[in-house]
Amino acid sequence: MKRYFLFLFLIPLTLLANNPEPKEIHWISFEEAVALNNKTPKPILVDVYTDWCHWCKVMDKKTYTNPTVVNYINTNFYAVKFDAEQKEPLTFNDTTFNYVASGRRGYHEFAGAILKGKLSFPSTVFFNKEKQLIYAAPGYLKTPMMEKLTYFMKNEVYLTKDWESFEKEFKSKL
């Protein structure tokens, strides 16, 4: 009986020890990302979403659960989930952004600012390690595109190469 119990107990532990890949992205608030960036500079990835957005939920279930994407984002970015309709104010670079009521639904000024007024959900926004807005990718991103885009942004390839050249040379780990 003791062997049977030990066997049942050790198998799950062995499986956990042999699979150290993170299962989910470590999402934090934008304020936390900025504070962490001030101590240890790293690019910031912002997932701009709304609760009612179907493709935001699909992206959460498919793209943001892929082990390669999860590991790359967790290792190389401060990852932020930002509700484009949140009511809480946010202060960044000495500017306070607030919720703006508009029709049945409103929007948060920060979402409007980083998406340059083009409120499209989901959108993935990249800031460099100096906290400068680099690029906003509107729409649902499938896993292969997210892998390429995060590599392109994290390694600042955009400074020396156009997207088409980069895409031809990129070696996927998927």
C-alpha atoms as a PDB file:
ATOM      1  CA  MET A   1       0.000   0.000   0.000  1.00  0.00           C
ATOM      2  CA  LYS A   2       2.844   2.378   0.847  1.00  0.00           C
ATOM      3  CA  ARG A   3       4.434   1.758  -2.550  1.00  0.00           C
ATOM      4  CA  TYR A   4       1.152   2.454  -4.296  1.00  0.00           C
ATOM      5  CA  PHE A   5       0.716   5.754  -2.408  1.00  0.00           C
ATOM      6  CA  LEU A   6       4.334   6.730  -3.062  1.00  0.00           C
ATOM      7  CA  PHE A   7       3.895   5.919  -6.758  1.00  0.00           C
ATOM      8  CA  LEU A   8       0.769   8.069  -7.024  1.00  0.00           C
ATOM      9  CA  PHE A   9       2.498  10.917  -5.217  1.00  0.00           C
ATOM     10  CA  LEU A  10       5.810  10.850  -7.127  1.00  0.00           C
ATOM     11  CA  ILE A  11       4.443  10.696 -10.690  1.00  0.00           C
ATOM     12  CA  PRO A  12       2.756  14.139 -10.540  1.00  0.00           C
ATOM     13  CA  LEU A  13       5.865  15.639  -8.908  1.00  0.00           C
ATOM     14  CA  THR A  14       8.077  14.172 -11.613  1.00  0.00           C
ATOM     15  CA  LEU A  15       5.838  15.528 -14.338  1.00  0.00           C
ATOM     16  CA  LEU A  16       5.893  18.985 -12.764  1.00  0.00           C
ATOM     17  CA  ALA A  17       9.674  18.936 -12.365  1.00  0.00           C
ATOM     18  CA  ASN A  18      10.168  17.891 -15.987  1.00  0.00           C
ATOM     19  CA  ASN A  19       7.849  20.590 -17.330  1.00  0.00           C
ATOM     20  CA  PRO A  20       9.135  23.917 -16.010  1.00  0.00           C
ATOM     21  CA  GLU A  21       7.587  25.914 -18.895  1.00  0.00           C
ATOM     22  CA  PRO A  22       5.263  28.602 -17.576  1.00  0.00           C
ATOM     23  CA  LYS A  23       1.634  27.969 -18.447  1.00  0.00           C
ATOM     24  CA  GLU A  24       0.498  31.565 -18.470  1.00  0.00           C
ATOM     25  CA  ILE A  25       1.767  35.060 -18.948  1.00  0.00           C
ATOM     26  CA  HIS A  26       2.524  36.996 -15.799  1.00  0.00           C
ATOM     27  CA  TRP A  27       0.213  39.982 -16.371  1.00  0.00           C
ATOM     28  CA  ILE A  28       0.725  43.112 -14.281  1.00  0.00           C
ATOM     29  CA  SER A  29      -0.713  46.626 -14.282  1.00  0.00           C
ATOM     30  CA  PHE A  30       0.831  49.375 -16.382  1.00  0.00           C
ATOM     31  CA  GLU A  31       1.878  51.207 -13.225  1.00  0.00           C
ATOM     32  CA  GLU A  32       3.673  48.069 -11.973  1.00  0.00           C
ATOM     33  CA  ALA A  33       5.396  47.655 -15.350  1.00  0.00           C
ATOM     34  CA  VAL A  34       6.674  51.238 -15.266  1.00  0.00           C
ATOM     35  CA  ALA A  35       7.919  50.847 -11.677  1.00  0.00           C
ATOM     36  CA  LEU A  36       9.701  47.581 -12.520  1.00  0.00           C
ATOM     37  CA  ASN A  37      11.109  49.134 -15.693  1.00  0.00           C
ATOM     38  CA  ASN A  38      12.554  51.995 -13.642  1.00  0.00           C
ATOM     39  CA  LYS A  39      14.560  49.435 -11.624  1.00  0.00           C
ATOM     40  CA  THR A  40      15.330  46.938 -14.387  1.00  0.00           C
ATOM     41  CA  PRO A  41      14.696  48.293 -17.896  1.00  0.00           C
ATOM     42  CA  LYS A  42      12.847  45.914 -20.180  1.00  0.00           C
ATOM     43  CA  PRO A  43      10.336  46.504 -22.996  1.00  0.00           C
ATOM     44  CA  ILE A  44       6.647  46.659 -22.099  1.00  0.00           C
ATOM     45  CA  LEU A  45       3.956  44.771 -24.011  1.00  0.00           C
ATOM     46  CA  VAL A  46       0.382  46.012 -23.477  1.00  0.00           C
ATOM     47  CA  ASP A  47      -2.616  43.873 -24.415  1.00  0.00           C
ATOM     48  CA  VAL A  48      -5.458  46.373 -24.872  1.00  0.00           C
ATOM     49  CA  TYR A  49      -8.794  44.599 -24.541  1.00  0.00           C
ATOM     50  CA  THR A  50     -12.425  44.968 -23.479  1.00  0.00           C
ATOM     51  CA  ASP A  51     -14.624  42.523 -21.600  1.00  0.00           C
ATOM     52  CA  TRP A  52     -17.095  42.252 -24.502  1.00  0.00           C
ATOM     53  CA  CYS A  53     -14.461  41.627 -27.213  1.00  0.00           C
ATOM     54  CA  HIS A  54     -14.755  38.123 -28.721  1.00  0.00           C
ATOM     55  CA  TRP A  55     -11.331  38.164 -30.423  1.00  0.00           C
ATOM     56  CA  CYS A  56      -9.685  39.345 -27.198  1.00  0.00           C
ATOM     57  CA  LYS A  57     -10.940  36.165 -25.523  1.00  0.00           C
ATOM     58  CA  VAL A  58      -9.799  34.009 -28.452  1.00  0.00           C
ATOM     59  CA  MET A  59      -6.349  35.583 -28.275  1.00  0.00           C
ATOM     60  CA  ASP A  60      -6.232  34.891 -24.520  1.00  0.00           C
ATOM     61  CA  LYS A  61      -7.109  31.226 -25.108  1.00  0.00           C
ATOM     62  CA  LYS A  62      -4.959  30.552 -28.172  1.00  0.00           C
ATOM     63  CA  THR A  63      -2.077  32.997 -28.574  1.00  0.00           C
ATOM     64  CA  TYR A  64      -1.364  33.843 -24.944  1.00  0.00           C
ATOM     65  CA  THR A  65      -1.290  30.181 -23.872  1.00  0.00           C
ATOM     66  CA  ASN A  66       1.281  28.912 -26.365  1.00  0.00           C
ATOM     67  CA  PRO A  67       4.337  27.824 -24.308  1.00  0.00           C
ATOM     68  CA  THR A  68       6.832  29.450 -26.702  1.00  0.00           C
ATOM     69  CA  VAL A  69       4.966  32.771 -26.642  1.00  0.00           C
ATOM     70  CA  VAL A  70       4.374  32.615 -22.880  1.00  0.00           C
ATOM     71  CA  ASN A  71       8.027  31.911 -22.147  1.00  0.00           C
ATOM     72  CA  TYR A  72       9.305  34.603 -24.530  1.00  0.00           C
ATOM     73  CA  ILE A  73       6.970  37.297 -23.217  1.00  0.00           C
ATOM     74  CA  ASN A  74       7.580  36.419 -19.554  1.00  0.00           C
ATOM     75  CA  THR A  75      11.342  36.452 -20.074  1.00  0.00           C
ATOM     76  CA  ASN A  76      11.692  39.557 -22.238  1.00  0.00           C
ATOM     77  CA  PHE A  77       8.798  41.921 -21.469  1.00  0.00           C
ATOM     78  CA  TYR A  78       6.762  43.393 -18.695  1.00  0.00           C
ATOM     79  CA  ALA A  79       3.338  42.189 -19.818  1.00  0.00           C
ATOM     80  CA  VAL A  80       0.322  44.397 -19.152  1.00  0.00           C
ATOM     81  CA  LYS A  81      -3.389  43.676 -19.581  1.00  0.00           C
ATOM     82  CA  PHE A  82      -5.172  46.986 -20.038  1.00  0.00           C
ATOM     83  CA  ASP A  83      -8.968  47.211 -20.101  1.00  0.00           C
ATOM     84  CA  ALA A  84      -9.751  49.982 -22.589  1.00  0.00           C
ATOM     85  CA  GLU A  85     -12.924  50.727 -20.629  1.00  0.00           C
ATOM     86  CA  GLN A  86     -11.493  50.740 -17.108  1.00  0.00           C
ATOM     87  CA  LYS A  87     -12.695  53.529 -14.868  1.00  0.00           C
ATOM     88  CA  GLU A  88      -9.547  53.989 -12.754  1.00  0.00           C
ATOM     89  CA  PRO A  89      -7.272  56.909 -13.733  1.00  0.00           C
ATOM     90  CA  LEU A  90      -3.698  56.193 -14.823  1.00  0.00           C
ATOM     91  CA  THR A  91      -0.763  58.582 -14.633  1.00  0.00           C
ATOM     92  CA  PHE A  92       2.123  58.159 -17.053  1.00  0.00           C
ATOM     93  CA  ASN A  93       4.822  60.695 -17.998  1.00  0.00           C
ATOM     94  CA  ASP A  94       3.213  63.383 -15.822  1.00  0.00           C
ATOM     95  CA  THR A  95      -0.144  63.026 -17.612  1.00  0.00           C
ATOM     96  CA  THR A  96      -3.222  61.620 -15.948  1.00  0.00           C
ATOM     97  CA  PHE A  97      -5.502  59.626 -18.227  1.00  0.00           C
ATOM     98  CA  ASN A  98      -9.142  59.110 -17.249  1.00  0.00           C
ATOM     99  CA  TYR A  99     -12.232  57.238 -18.338  1.00  0.00           C
ATOM    100  CA  VAL A 100     -14.391  59.176 -20.779  1.00  0.00           C
ATOM    101  CA  ALA A 101     -18.105  58.396 -20.890  1.00  0.00           C
ATOM    102  CA  SER A 102     -19.304  58.173 -24.482  1.00  0.00           C
ATOM    103  CA  GLY A 103     -22.658  56.713 -25.535  1.00  0.00           C
ATOM    104  CA  ARG A 104     -23.444  53.301 -24.067  1.00  0.00           C
ATOM    105  CA  ARG A 105     -19.773  52.631 -23.503  1.00  0.00           C
ATOM    106  CA  GLY A 106     -16.894  54.895 -22.818  1.00  0.00           C
ATOM    107  CA  TYR A 107     -13.171  54.493 -23.229  1.00  0.00           C
ATOM    108  CA  HIS A 108     -10.044  55.157 -21.244  1.00  0.00           C
ATOM    109  CA  GLU A 109      -7.918  58.048 -22.490  1.00  0.00           C
ATOM    110  CA  PHE A 110      -4.766  55.966 -22.114  1.00  0.00           C
ATOM    111  CA  ALA A 111      -6.127  53.397 -24.587  1.00  0.00           C
ATOM    112  CA  GLY A 112      -7.021  56.242 -26.941  1.00  0.00           C
ATOM    113  CA  ALA A 113      -3.542  57.745 -26.605  1.00  0.00           C
ATOM    114  CA  ILE A 114      -1.500  54.565 -27.157  1.00  0.00           C
ATOM    115  CA  LEU A 115      -3.788  53.465 -30.013  1.00  0.00           C
ATOM    116  CA  LYS A 116      -3.642  56.980 -31.502  1.00  0.00           C
ATOM    117  CA  GLY A 117      -7.419  57.298 -31.447  1.00  0.00           C
ATOM    118  CA  LYS A 118      -8.003  54.056 -33.371  1.00  0.00           C
ATOM    119  CA  LEU A 119      -9.804  52.002 -30.734  1.00  0.00           C
ATOM    120  CA  SER A 120      -9.511  48.479 -32.108  1.00  0.00           C
ATOM    121  CA  PHE A 121      -9.691  45.445 -29.853  1.00  0.00           C
ATOM    122  CA  PRO A 122      -7.636  43.501 -29.231  1.00  0.00           C
ATOM    123  CA  SER A 123      -4.555  45.569 -29.881  1.00  0.00           C
ATOM    124  CA  THR A 124      -1.000  44.792 -28.837  1.00  0.00           C
ATOM    125  CA  VAL A 125       1.148  47.805 -28.009  1.00  0.00           C
ATOM    126  CA  PHE A 126       4.915  47.816 -27.586  1.00  0.00           C
ATOM    127  CA  PHE A 127       6.994  50.243 -25.559  1.00  0.00           C
ATOM    128  CA  ASN A 128      10.792  50.040 -25.635  1.00  0.00           C
ATOM    129  CA  LYS A 129      12.836  49.808 -22.458  1.00  0.00           C
ATOM    130  CA  GLU A 130      12.970  53.632 -22.363  1.00  0.00           C
ATOM    131  CA  LYS A 131       9.146  53.563 -22.057  1.00  0.00           C
ATOM    132  CA  GLN A 132       8.649  55.106 -25.497  1.00  0.00           C
ATOM    133  CA  LEU A 133       5.699  53.940 -27.572  1.00  0.00           C
ATOM    134  CA  ILE A 134       7.072  51.998 -30.551  1.00  0.00           C
ATOM    135  CA  TYR A 135       4.186  50.237 -32.261  1.00  0.00           C
ATOM    136  CA  ALA A 136       0.524  49.301 -31.880  1.00  0.00           C
ATOM    137  CA  ALA A 137      -0.626  46.164 -33.712  1.00  0.00           C
ATOM    138  CA  PRO A 138      -4.409  46.200 -34.097  1.00  0.00           C
ATOM    139  CA  GLY A 139      -6.461  43.031 -34.185  1.00  0.00           C
ATOM    140  CA  TYR A 140      -6.193  39.384 -33.292  1.00  0.00           C
ATOM    141  CA  LEU A 141      -2.638  38.044 -33.567  1.00  0.00           C
ATOM    142  CA  LYS A 142      -2.207  34.338 -34.182  1.00  0.00           C
ATOM    143  CA  THR A 143       0.642  32.578 -32.403  1.00  0.00           C
ATOM    144  CA  PRO A 144       3.184  32.639 -35.304  1.00  0.00           C
ATOM    145  CA  MET A 145       2.654  36.388 -35.810  1.00  0.00           C
ATOM    146  CA  MET A 146       2.963  37.080 -32.075  1.00  0.00           C
ATOM    147  CA  GLU A 147       6.210  35.105 -31.947  1.00  0.00           C
ATOM    148  CA  LYS A 148       7.686  37.134 -34.823  1.00  0.00           C
ATOM    149  CA  LEU A 149       6.382  40.469 -33.593  1.00  0.00           C
ATOM    150  CA  THR A 150       7.675  40.053 -30.025  1.00  0.00           C
ATOM    151  CA  TYR A 151      11.109  39.042 -31.336  1.00  0.00           C
ATOM    152  CA  PHE A 152      11.115  41.999 -33.781  1.00  0.00           C
ATOM    153  CA  MET A 153      10.255  44.442 -30.993  1.00  0.00           C
ATOM    154  CA  LYS A 154      12.336  43.007 -28.141  1.00  0.00           C
ATOM    155  CA  ASN A 155      15.502  42.825 -30.231  1.00  0.00           C
ATOM    156  CA  GLU A 156      14.849  46.249 -31.786  1.00  0.00           C
ATOM    157  CA  VAL A 157      15.176  44.770 -35.260  1.00  0.00           C
ATOM    158  CA  TYR A 158      12.897  47.600 -36.470  1.00  0.00           C
ATOM    159  CA  LEU A 159      15.872  49.966 -36.061  1.00  0.00           C
ATOM    160  CA  THR A 160      17.938  48.227 -38.757  1.00  0.00           C
ATOM    161  CA  LYS A 161      15.564  46.165 -40.909  1.00  0.00           C
ATOM    162  CA  ASP A 162      12.162  46.418 -42.506  1.00  0.00           C
ATOM    163  CA  TRP A 163       9.479  43.869 -41.610  1.00  0.00           C
ATOM    164  CA  GLU A 164       9.609  42.027 -44.954  1.00  0.00           C
ATOM    165  CA  SER A 165      13.365  41.394 -44.744  1.00  0.00           C
ATOM    166  CA  PHE A 166      13.090  40.316 -41.138  1.00  0.00           C
ATOM    167  CA  GLU A 167      10.194  37.957 -41.843  1.00  0.00           C
ATOM    168  CA  LYS A 168      12.134  36.170 -44.607  1.00  0.00           C
ATOM    169  CA  GLU A 169      15.060  35.480 -42.254  1.00  0.00           C
ATOM    170  CA  PHE A 170      13.142  34.715 -39.033  1.00  0.00           C
ATOM    171  CA  LYS A 171      13.522  31.169 -37.657  1.00  0.00           C
ATOM    172  CA  SER A 172      10.485  30.120 -35.672  1.00  0.00           C
ATOM    173  CA  LYS A 173      10.725  28.074 -32.483  1.00  0.00           C
ATOM    174  CA  LEU A 174       7.127  26.931 -32.694  1.00  0.00           C
END
